[in-house]
Amino acid sequence: MFKTIKNAFKTPDVRKRLMYTLLLIVLFRLGCYITVPGVDTFALAETMNTSTMSLTSLIDTISGGAFSNLSIFAMSITPYITASIVIQLLGMIIPSLEKLMKEGGEIAREKVNRYTKVVAIILALVEALGIYISYRSSGIFKNPGFLTGATIVISLIAGTSILMWLGEQITNKGVGNGISMIIFIGIVSGLPSGLVTLWNLIMTEGAVSTVGIVTALIVLIGAVVLIGGVVFVQQAERRVPVQYAKKVVGRKMYGGQNTHIPLKLAMAGVMPIIFASSFMTFPAMIIQIFASDKIGGAGFISGLYKFSIATSSSSVGWGYSLANAIVYFLLIVGFTFFYTYATFNPDEVATNIKQNGGFIPGIRAGKPTADYLKSTLNKLTFVGSIFLSFIAILPMLLRFSNLNLSFGGTAVLIVVGVALETIQQLESLLVMRHYKGFLEK
C-alpha cells in the first residue's frame, strides 16, 4: 500500500489528482469549523456538552465534529445518501425511472444524478428545519425568529450543496469516491478522541490502572482482528474461469484465450453500510422535527425514536438495542444484495460472453451461464453480507460497558472499505499510465 502511494506521487498526473483531493479535504475540514450565522457559540458549547441525544453524537461522528459546532457542514452528506436510497427504491416502482437507470451512458447518469440532487436538497431543507426547530428553545440562537431561522436553514442547505459538489469533484478529478471520501475523513477525524479515551482508561486519577491497561490491550487487539477481517472480506474473490474459442478470420486466427470473471465476496463495498446507517437514523430525524415533545413519553413515537437511536445509545435498554441490531443486520444484508445486482448484471455478462464466443467450462452459453453466475453471486454475497453485518452489530455491545469509543464496527467498515477502494483506484490509475514496477516487491 505504502509503495503504491509512493509511486503515485512520482507520477505527475496521479500526483495532481492526489493533491487536488487533499486540497478539497482541507476545505471540507475548514468548513466544519465555520459556524452558521446567528449562533451564540458559548451557549452552543454548553448545550452540546450537556446533550444526551444519541442521534446528535452519531451525526457528529459522521460529520467529523461539524454538528457539535453547528457549522455549515453540520448535516454532512447524509441528505444526498438518503436521496440516493430514495431514487434507487423509486427506480423499482417507476417504469420510466427504471428504464433510465438501466440505459446507462453519460446522459442517463446525468439525469439520474440530477434527480438525486433535487431530492437531496428537499431532504436537506426538511433536516435543516428540524435542526432549527429542535434547538430554537435551547437558547443557542441570539435572535430566534423568522429571519434567523431562514438564514440558518439556507446556510445548512448551502453547506450540504457544497459537500455534494466537493464529492463530485473528488470523484471526477481526484482519487476515490467523493461521497465515501467525505464520510471517511469525517470518521477518521474522530480517531484522536478515541486515542484519548484509551489513554484515560490507562491513566486513572494520575495513576496507571492495571485494569485499564488490560482493557486497552483487548480493544487494540480486537481492532486489529476486526480490521484484518474486513480487509480479508473486501479483498476475497471467486474467479470464474472463461474460455474463448478460436476464430479464423481470413488468414489470421483470433481468440483461444483463457480469462476469468472476478466475483468479490463483498462486491458492494461500503455503500450498503452507509445506506443502512442513514436509513436507521431517518425516523429519529423526522420525529425530532414534528414530534420532539413526545420523545420522552411512553407511546409509539417515543418507542420508535428510542429504537432508531439505539445504534449509538446505551441508555435505551437491551430490548430496543436488540431490535435495532436485528433490523440493522437485515438492512445491511438487503442493501448488499440490492447494490450488488445494481452494479453487476449476470444476464448482461452472460450475453456478452456468448456474443464473443466464450463459455464457462462445463456450463452451456446463454441462460445456463447467467443462472450459474447468479447462483455463485448469491452464495458469495450472502456470506459476505452476513460477515459484514456481524462486524457492524457486535461492537454495539461495547456501549453497555464503560467504553465510549468513537470507532464502532460501522466506522471501521467504512474506513477500511474506503481506504481499500482508494488504493485500488490508485493502482488502476498507475496501470492506465503504463507505470512499470509499482507492484514489485
Protein backbone atom coordinates (compact mmCIF):
# COMPACT_ATOMS: atom_id res chain seq x y z
CA MET A 1 0.00 0.00 0.00
CA PHE A 2 2.71 2.47 1.01
CA LYS A 3 4.72 1.66 -2.12
CA THR A 4 1.64 2.30 -4.24
CA ILE A 5 1.20 5.73 -2.63
CA LYS A 6 4.91 6.47 -3.07
CA ASN A 7 4.81 5.56 -6.76
CA ALA A 8 1.58 7.54 -7.19
CA PHE A 9 3.36 10.71 -6.05
CA LYS A 10 6.08 10.00 -8.60
CA THR A 11 3.57 10.01 -11.47
CA PRO A 12 2.68 13.62 -12.44
CA ASP A 13 -0.95 13.01 -13.42
CA VAL A 14 -1.73 10.87 -10.39
CA ARG A 15 0.13 13.28 -8.08
CA LYS A 16 -2.01 16.11 -9.42
CA ARG A 17 -5.16 14.11 -8.62
CA LEU A 18 -3.90 13.37 -5.12
CA MET A 19 -3.04 16.99 -4.38
CA TYR A 20 -6.42 18.11 -5.72
CA THR A 21 -8.16 15.59 -3.44
CA LEU A 22 -6.12 16.75 -0.43
CA LEU A 23 -7.00 20.37 -1.17
CA LEU A 24 -10.72 19.59 -1.21
CA ILE A 25 -10.37 17.59 2.01
CA VAL A 26 -8.72 20.59 3.68
CA LEU A 27 -11.61 22.80 2.52
CA PHE A 28 -14.06 20.30 3.96
CA ARG A 29 -12.31 20.28 7.34
CA LEU A 30 -12.13 24.08 7.43
CA GLY A 31 -15.85 24.28 6.71
CA CYS A 32 -16.53 22.01 9.71
CA TYR A 33 -15.46 24.91 11.98
CA ILE A 34 -17.42 27.71 10.28
CA THR A 35 -20.49 28.17 12.50
CA VAL A 36 -23.74 29.23 10.85
CA PRO A 37 -24.77 32.88 11.41
CA GLY A 38 -26.83 33.88 14.44
CA VAL A 39 -25.44 31.30 16.90
CA ASP A 40 -24.16 32.07 20.39
CA THR A 41 -21.01 29.91 20.44
CA PHE A 42 -20.75 29.87 24.27
CA ALA A 43 -24.35 28.70 24.65
CA LEU A 44 -23.81 26.18 21.86
CA ALA A 45 -20.77 24.66 23.60
CA GLU A 46 -22.69 24.39 26.88
CA THR A 47 -25.71 22.81 25.17
CA MET A 48 -23.62 20.24 23.29
CA ASN A 49 -21.66 19.31 26.42
CA THR A 50 -24.85 18.60 28.36
CA SER A 51 -26.72 17.00 25.45
CA THR A 52 -27.69 13.34 25.89
CA MET A 53 -29.16 12.90 22.43
CA SER A 54 -27.56 9.84 20.90
CA LEU A 55 -28.57 10.88 17.43
CA THR A 56 -26.52 14.02 17.92
CA SER A 57 -23.38 12.03 18.71
CA LEU A 58 -23.96 9.71 15.75
CA ILE A 59 -24.35 12.55 13.26
CA ASP A 60 -21.41 14.35 14.86
CA THR A 61 -19.21 11.27 14.30
CA ILE A 62 -20.16 11.06 10.63
CA SER A 63 -19.76 14.80 10.06
CA GLY A 64 -16.35 14.97 11.75
CA GLY A 65 -17.46 17.21 14.62
CA ALA A 66 -19.32 19.63 12.34
CA PHE A 67 -22.65 19.01 14.08
CA SER A 68 -21.37 19.86 17.56
CA ASN A 69 -20.02 23.13 16.12
CA LEU A 70 -23.31 23.67 14.24
CA SER A 71 -21.22 24.55 11.21
CA ILE A 72 -22.38 24.93 7.64
CA PHE A 73 -21.48 21.23 7.16
CA ALA A 74 -23.49 20.11 10.21
CA MET A 75 -25.77 17.85 8.13
CA SER A 76 -22.78 16.31 6.36
CA ILE A 77 -23.59 14.39 3.18
CA THR A 78 -26.42 12.35 4.73
CA PRO A 79 -29.25 14.05 2.73
CA TYR A 80 -27.54 13.02 -0.51
CA ILE A 81 -27.09 9.43 0.72
CA THR A 82 -30.75 9.24 1.75
CA ALA A 83 -31.73 10.71 -1.63
CA SER A 84 -29.70 8.01 -3.38
CA ILE A 85 -31.62 5.35 -1.47
CA VAL A 86 -34.95 7.00 -2.37
CA ILE A 87 -34.05 7.19 -6.07
CA GLN A 88 -32.89 3.56 -6.13
CA LEU A 89 -36.14 2.42 -4.49
CA LEU A 90 -38.26 4.60 -6.79
CA GLY A 91 -36.45 3.03 -9.73
CA MET A 92 -38.01 -0.29 -8.74
CA ILE A 93 -41.60 1.01 -8.90
CA ILE A 94 -41.49 3.76 -11.56
CA PRO A 95 -41.03 2.20 -15.04
CA SER A 96 -39.65 5.33 -16.72
CA LEU A 97 -37.05 5.83 -13.99
CA GLU A 98 -36.15 2.14 -14.06
CA LYS A 99 -35.65 2.32 -17.83
CA LEU A 100 -33.49 5.42 -17.45
CA MET A 101 -31.31 3.74 -14.79
CA LYS A 102 -30.83 0.64 -16.96
CA GLU A 103 -29.97 2.58 -20.10
CA GLY A 104 -26.54 3.57 -18.89
CA GLY A 105 -24.50 6.12 -20.75
CA GLU A 106 -23.42 9.60 -19.74
CA ILE A 107 -26.75 11.32 -20.44
CA ALA A 108 -28.77 8.80 -18.41
CA ARG A 109 -26.34 9.02 -15.48
CA GLU A 110 -26.51 12.82 -15.52
CA LYS A 111 -30.32 12.74 -15.41
CA VAL A 112 -30.38 10.28 -12.51
CA ASN A 113 -27.74 12.35 -10.69
CA ARG A 114 -29.82 15.49 -11.25
CA TYR A 115 -32.92 13.82 -9.79
CA THR A 116 -30.86 12.64 -6.81
CA LYS A 117 -29.59 16.15 -6.15
CA VAL A 118 -33.12 17.60 -6.27
CA VAL A 119 -34.35 15.04 -3.75
CA ALA A 120 -31.24 15.69 -1.63
CA ILE A 121 -31.99 19.43 -1.50
CA ILE A 122 -35.58 18.71 -0.42
CA LEU A 123 -34.39 16.36 2.32
CA ALA A 124 -31.74 18.89 3.36
CA LEU A 125 -34.48 21.52 3.71
CA VAL A 126 -36.50 19.22 5.96
CA GLU A 127 -33.46 18.29 8.07
CA ALA A 128 -32.30 21.91 8.38
CA LEU A 129 -35.76 22.94 9.57
CA GLY A 130 -35.63 20.11 12.07
CA ILE A 131 -32.28 21.25 13.44
CA TYR A 132 -33.51 24.82 13.88
CA ILE A 133 -36.80 23.78 15.49
CA SER A 134 -35.05 21.30 17.82
CA TYR A 135 -32.55 23.86 19.14
CA ARG A 136 -34.68 27.02 18.96
CA SER A 137 -35.74 26.73 22.60
CA SER A 138 -32.24 25.85 23.87
CA GLY A 139 -31.04 29.47 23.78
CA ILE A 140 -28.16 28.96 21.35
CA PHE A 141 -29.59 31.43 18.81
CA LYS A 142 -29.04 35.12 19.53
CA ASN A 143 -32.29 36.41 17.99
CA PRO A 144 -34.59 33.44 17.31
CA GLY A 145 -37.12 34.41 14.71
CA PHE A 146 -38.05 34.05 11.07
CA LEU A 147 -35.02 35.90 9.70
CA THR A 148 -32.56 33.99 11.89
CA GLY A 149 -34.26 30.70 11.09
CA ALA A 150 -34.22 31.39 7.35
CA THR A 151 -30.53 32.32 7.49
CA ILE A 152 -29.61 29.16 9.40
CA VAL A 153 -31.69 26.88 7.15
CA ILE A 154 -30.23 28.41 3.98
CA SER A 155 -26.70 28.14 5.41
CA LEU A 156 -27.15 24.45 6.24
CA ILE A 157 -28.63 23.68 2.82
CA ALA A 158 -25.78 25.57 1.17
CA GLY A 159 -23.28 23.56 3.21
CA THR A 160 -24.79 20.26 2.06
CA SER A 161 -24.79 21.53 -1.54
CA ILE A 162 -21.10 22.42 -1.23
CA LEU A 163 -20.35 18.92 0.08
CA MET A 164 -22.20 17.37 -2.86
CA TRP A 165 -20.09 19.49 -5.20
CA LEU A 166 -16.89 18.58 -3.36
CA GLY A 167 -17.78 14.90 -3.55
CA GLU A 168 -18.49 15.16 -7.27
CA GLN A 169 -15.19 16.95 -7.89
CA ILE A 170 -13.23 14.32 -5.95
CA THR A 171 -14.88 11.55 -7.96
CA ASN A 172 -14.28 13.20 -11.33
CA LYS A 173 -10.92 14.93 -10.84
CA GLY A 174 -9.46 13.38 -7.69
CA VAL A 175 -8.92 9.92 -6.27
CA GLY A 176 -11.63 7.69 -4.83
CA ASN A 177 -15.38 8.01 -4.48
CA GLY A 178 -16.08 11.56 -3.34
CA ILE A 179 -19.11 10.81 -1.16
CA SER A 180 -17.37 7.91 0.59
CA MET A 181 -14.22 10.01 0.98
CA ILE A 182 -16.09 12.79 2.81
CA ILE A 183 -17.60 10.28 5.24
CA PHE A 184 -14.18 8.63 5.60
CA ILE A 185 -12.50 11.91 6.55
CA GLY A 186 -15.30 12.76 8.96
CA ILE A 187 -14.92 9.46 10.81
CA VAL A 188 -11.11 9.47 10.81
CA SER A 189 -11.11 12.94 12.36
CA GLY A 190 -12.56 11.32 15.49
CA LEU A 191 -9.57 8.99 15.87
CA PRO A 192 -7.65 11.33 18.21
CA SER A 193 -10.58 11.41 20.65
CA GLY A 194 -10.64 7.61 20.57
CA LEU A 195 -6.95 7.52 21.46
CA VAL A 196 -7.61 9.97 24.31
CA THR A 197 -10.34 7.63 25.58
CA LEU A 198 -7.89 4.73 25.63
CA TRP A 199 -5.32 6.86 27.43
CA ASN A 200 -7.91 7.84 30.06
CA LEU A 201 -8.60 4.14 30.61
CA ILE A 202 -4.92 3.56 31.35
CA MET A 203 -4.40 6.70 33.49
CA THR A 204 -6.95 6.91 36.29
CA GLU A 205 -6.61 9.91 38.61
CA GLY A 206 -2.96 10.36 37.65
CA ALA A 207 -2.04 6.73 38.30
CA VAL A 208 -1.61 3.80 35.97
CA SER A 209 -4.56 1.40 36.09
CA THR A 210 -3.81 -2.29 35.55
CA VAL A 211 -7.42 -2.97 34.58
CA GLY A 212 -7.25 -0.03 32.18
CA ILE A 213 -4.11 -1.40 30.52
CA VAL A 214 -5.71 -4.82 30.04
CA THR A 215 -8.87 -3.22 28.66
CA ALA A 216 -6.90 -1.02 26.27
CA LEU A 217 -4.90 -4.03 25.03
CA ILE A 218 -8.10 -6.01 24.45
CA VAL A 219 -9.56 -3.08 22.50
CA LEU A 220 -6.40 -2.70 20.37
CA ILE A 221 -6.18 -6.46 19.66
CA GLY A 222 -9.89 -6.50 18.82
CA ALA A 223 -9.42 -3.55 16.47
CA VAL A 224 -6.54 -5.30 14.67
CA VAL A 225 -8.57 -8.51 14.29
CA LEU A 226 -11.59 -6.50 13.13
CA ILE A 227 -9.59 -4.60 10.53
CA GLY A 228 -7.93 -7.81 9.35
CA GLY A 229 -11.32 -9.48 8.92
CA VAL A 230 -12.69 -6.54 6.95
CA VAL A 231 -9.62 -6.48 4.69
CA PHE A 232 -9.97 -10.22 4.06
CA VAL A 233 -13.66 -9.94 3.13
CA GLN A 234 -13.14 -6.86 0.97
CA GLN A 235 -10.26 -8.45 -0.93
CA ALA A 236 -11.57 -12.03 -1.20
CA GLU A 237 -12.93 -13.01 -4.61
CA ARG A 238 -14.06 -16.03 -6.60
CA ARG A 239 -12.51 -16.24 -10.06
CA VAL A 240 -14.91 -17.83 -12.53
CA PRO A 241 -12.89 -19.21 -15.48
CA VAL A 242 -13.95 -18.25 -19.00
CA GLN A 243 -12.60 -19.73 -22.24
CA TYR A 244 -12.93 -18.16 -25.67
CA ALA A 245 -13.00 -20.36 -28.76
CA LYS A 246 -10.55 -19.76 -31.59
CA LYS A 247 -11.78 -17.95 -34.70
CA VAL A 248 -10.24 -17.93 -38.14
CA VAL A 249 -10.74 -14.65 -39.98
CA GLY A 250 -9.01 -14.68 -43.35
CA ARG A 251 -5.52 -15.94 -42.73
CA LYS A 252 -5.41 -14.93 -39.08
CA MET A 253 -6.59 -16.77 -36.00
CA TYR A 254 -8.21 -14.85 -33.15
CA GLY A 255 -9.30 -15.80 -29.65
CA GLY A 256 -8.47 -19.00 -27.90
CA GLN A 257 -7.56 -17.22 -24.68
CA ASN A 258 -8.41 -18.15 -21.10
CA THR A 259 -9.52 -15.49 -18.63
CA HIS A 260 -11.74 -15.19 -15.57
CA ILE A 261 -14.55 -13.13 -14.05
CA PRO A 262 -13.61 -11.84 -10.56
CA LEU A 263 -16.62 -12.07 -8.24
CA LYS A 264 -15.81 -10.41 -4.92
CA LEU A 265 -17.14 -11.63 -1.60
CA ALA A 266 -18.33 -8.09 -0.83
CA MET A 267 -18.80 -6.57 -4.27
CA ALA A 268 -21.00 -3.74 -2.97
CA GLY A 269 -18.18 -2.40 -0.78
CA VAL A 270 -19.15 0.03 1.98
CA MET A 271 -22.22 1.54 0.34
CA PRO A 272 -24.72 -0.89 2.00
CA ILE A 273 -23.28 0.06 5.40
CA ILE A 274 -23.67 3.77 4.64
CA PHE A 275 -27.20 3.23 3.28
CA ALA A 276 -28.25 1.18 6.33
CA SER A 277 -26.83 3.75 8.78
CA SER A 278 -28.68 6.61 7.08
CA PHE A 279 -31.88 4.57 6.88
CA MET A 280 -31.79 3.75 10.60
CA THR A 281 -31.35 7.35 11.75
CA PHE A 282 -34.01 8.81 9.42
CA PRO A 283 -37.04 8.10 11.71
CA ALA A 284 -35.35 9.86 14.64
CA MET A 285 -34.71 12.93 12.48
CA ILE A 286 -38.36 13.10 11.41
CA ILE A 287 -39.58 12.64 15.00
CA GLN A 288 -37.30 15.45 16.22
CA ILE A 289 -38.82 17.76 13.61
CA PHE A 290 -42.53 17.03 14.01
CA ALA A 291 -42.92 15.38 17.43
CA SER A 292 -39.99 16.38 19.63
CA ASP A 293 -42.32 16.87 22.62
CA LYS A 294 -43.23 13.15 22.60
CA ILE A 295 -39.67 11.81 22.69
CA GLY A 296 -39.65 11.39 26.48
CA GLY A 297 -43.08 9.79 26.63
CA ALA A 298 -44.14 6.15 26.62
CA GLY A 299 -46.11 5.98 23.37
CA PHE A 300 -45.37 4.57 19.95
CA ILE A 301 -43.49 7.68 18.76
CA SER A 302 -41.20 7.60 21.79
CA GLY A 303 -40.55 3.89 21.24
CA LEU A 304 -39.77 4.43 17.57
CA TYR A 305 -37.34 7.21 18.48
CA LYS A 306 -35.55 5.04 21.06
CA PHE A 307 -35.41 2.19 18.55
CA SER A 308 -33.91 4.49 15.90
CA ILE A 309 -31.17 5.88 18.16
CA ALA A 310 -30.29 2.52 19.72
CA THR A 311 -27.44 2.21 17.21
CA SER A 312 -25.38 4.63 19.32
CA SER A 313 -27.11 4.71 22.70
CA SER A 314 -26.71 2.54 25.78
CA SER A 315 -29.49 4.28 27.72
CA VAL A 316 -32.49 2.89 25.80
CA GLY A 317 -32.33 -0.66 27.16
CA TRP A 318 -31.47 -4.08 25.77
CA GLY A 319 -34.87 -4.56 24.13
CA TYR A 320 -34.55 -1.56 21.82
CA SER A 321 -30.87 -2.32 21.14
CA LEU A 322 -31.63 -5.95 20.22
CA ALA A 323 -34.46 -4.94 17.90
CA ASN A 324 -32.28 -2.25 16.36
CA ALA A 325 -29.41 -4.71 15.86
CA ILE A 326 -31.69 -7.23 14.12
CA VAL A 327 -33.15 -4.62 11.76
CA TYR A 328 -29.71 -3.14 11.13
CA PHE A 329 -28.39 -6.62 10.35
CA LEU A 330 -31.21 -7.32 7.87
CA LEU A 331 -30.84 -3.90 6.23
CA ILE A 332 -27.14 -4.45 5.58
CA VAL A 333 -27.84 -7.88 4.08
CA GLY A 334 -30.67 -6.49 1.94
CA PHE A 335 -28.76 -3.44 0.72
CA THR A 336 -25.74 -5.64 -0.07
CA PHE A 337 -27.80 -7.82 -2.40
CA PHE A 338 -29.57 -4.78 -3.84
CA TYR A 339 -26.39 -2.82 -4.54
CA THR A 340 -24.53 -5.90 -5.86
CA TYR A 341 -27.16 -6.61 -8.50
CA ALA A 342 -27.38 -2.91 -9.31
CA THR A 343 -23.68 -2.90 -10.26
CA PHE A 344 -23.31 -6.44 -11.68
CA ASN A 345 -25.88 -7.88 -14.10
CA PRO A 346 -25.36 -11.65 -14.64
CA ASP A 347 -27.68 -11.73 -17.66
CA GLU A 348 -25.74 -8.96 -19.40
CA VAL A 349 -22.39 -10.60 -18.60
CA ALA A 350 -23.63 -13.97 -19.91
CA THR A 351 -24.87 -12.33 -23.12
CA ASN A 352 -21.51 -10.61 -23.69
CA ILE A 353 -19.64 -13.88 -23.14
CA LYS A 354 -21.87 -15.69 -25.64
CA GLN A 355 -21.58 -12.96 -28.26
CA ASN A 356 -17.78 -13.10 -28.06
CA GLY A 357 -17.67 -16.87 -28.45
CA GLY A 358 -16.83 -17.57 -24.83
CA PHE A 359 -18.09 -20.11 -22.30
CA ILE A 360 -17.56 -21.23 -18.74
CA PRO A 361 -16.08 -24.77 -18.68
CA GLY A 362 -18.86 -27.27 -18.03
CA ILE A 363 -21.63 -24.66 -18.45
CA ARG A 364 -23.57 -24.03 -21.63
CA ALA A 365 -23.56 -20.49 -23.03
CA GLY A 366 -26.62 -18.28 -22.64
CA LYS A 367 -29.19 -18.76 -19.88
CA PRO A 368 -27.31 -21.61 -18.09
CA THR A 369 -24.30 -19.29 -17.80
CA ALA A 370 -26.49 -16.50 -16.36
CA ASP A 371 -28.06 -18.93 -13.86
CA TYR A 372 -24.62 -20.19 -12.83
CA LEU A 373 -23.35 -16.63 -12.29
CA LYS A 374 -26.47 -15.75 -10.27
CA SER A 375 -26.10 -18.84 -8.08
CA THR A 376 -22.41 -18.15 -7.46
CA LEU A 377 -23.02 -14.46 -6.82
CA ASN A 378 -25.86 -15.19 -4.38
CA LYS A 379 -23.66 -17.53 -2.31
CA LEU A 380 -20.75 -15.10 -2.21
CA THR A 381 -22.92 -12.09 -1.42
CA PHE A 382 -24.77 -13.96 1.32
CA VAL A 383 -21.56 -14.97 3.09
CA GLY A 384 -20.00 -11.51 2.68
CA SER A 385 -23.12 -9.65 3.86
CA ILE A 386 -23.53 -11.90 6.93
CA PHE A 387 -19.90 -11.40 7.93
CA LEU A 388 -20.00 -7.63 7.50
CA SER A 389 -23.36 -7.38 9.30
CA PHE A 390 -21.98 -9.23 12.32
CA ILE A 391 -18.96 -6.93 12.41
CA ALA A 392 -21.29 -3.93 12.31
CA ILE A 393 -23.56 -5.00 15.18
CA LEU A 394 -21.21 -6.79 17.59
CA PRO A 395 -19.30 -3.63 18.66
CA MET A 396 -22.68 -2.15 19.66
CA LEU A 397 -22.38 -4.26 22.81
CA LEU A 398 -19.43 -2.10 23.92
CA ARG A 399 -21.87 0.72 24.66
CA PHE A 400 -23.12 -1.22 27.68
CA SER A 401 -19.62 -1.22 29.13
CA ASN A 402 -17.50 1.72 30.30
CA LEU A 403 -16.06 2.16 26.81
CA ASN A 404 -17.23 5.07 24.69
CA LEU A 405 -15.01 4.85 21.64
CA SER A 406 -15.60 6.93 18.53
CA PHE A 407 -14.79 3.95 16.32
CA GLY A 408 -17.54 1.35 16.16
CA GLY A 409 -17.99 -1.56 13.78
CA THR A 410 -19.73 0.56 11.17
CA ALA A 411 -16.99 3.19 11.31
CA VAL A 412 -14.28 0.54 10.85
CA LEU A 413 -16.13 -0.98 7.89
CA ILE A 414 -16.46 2.38 6.20
CA VAL A 415 -12.89 3.48 6.91
CA VAL A 416 -11.24 0.23 5.81
CA GLY A 417 -13.53 -0.18 2.80
CA VAL A 418 -12.93 3.34 1.53
CA ALA A 419 -9.17 3.02 2.10
CA LEU A 420 -9.05 -0.21 0.08
CA GLU A 421 -11.15 1.25 -2.73
CA THR A 422 -8.92 4.31 -2.90
CA ILE A 423 -5.73 2.21 -3.04
CA GLN A 424 -7.26 0.04 -5.78
CA GLN A 425 -8.14 3.12 -7.80
CA LEU A 426 -4.59 4.42 -7.37
CA GLU A 427 -3.26 1.13 -8.71
CA SER A 428 -5.67 1.29 -11.64
CA LEU A 429 -4.55 4.83 -12.47
CA LEU A 430 -0.93 3.71 -12.39
CA VAL A 431 -1.68 0.75 -14.67
CA MET A 432 -3.52 3.01 -17.12
CA ARG A 433 -0.42 5.17 -17.39
CA HIS A 434 1.80 2.11 -18.01
CA TYR A 435 3.71 2.70 -14.80
CA LYS A 436 6.08 -0.26 -14.55
CA GLY A 437 7.25 -1.83 -11.35
CA PHE A 438 4.70 -0.46 -8.91
CA LEU A 439 3.71 -3.99 -7.86
CA GLU A 440 7.28 -5.19 -7.44
CA LYS A 441 8.12 -6.47 -4.03
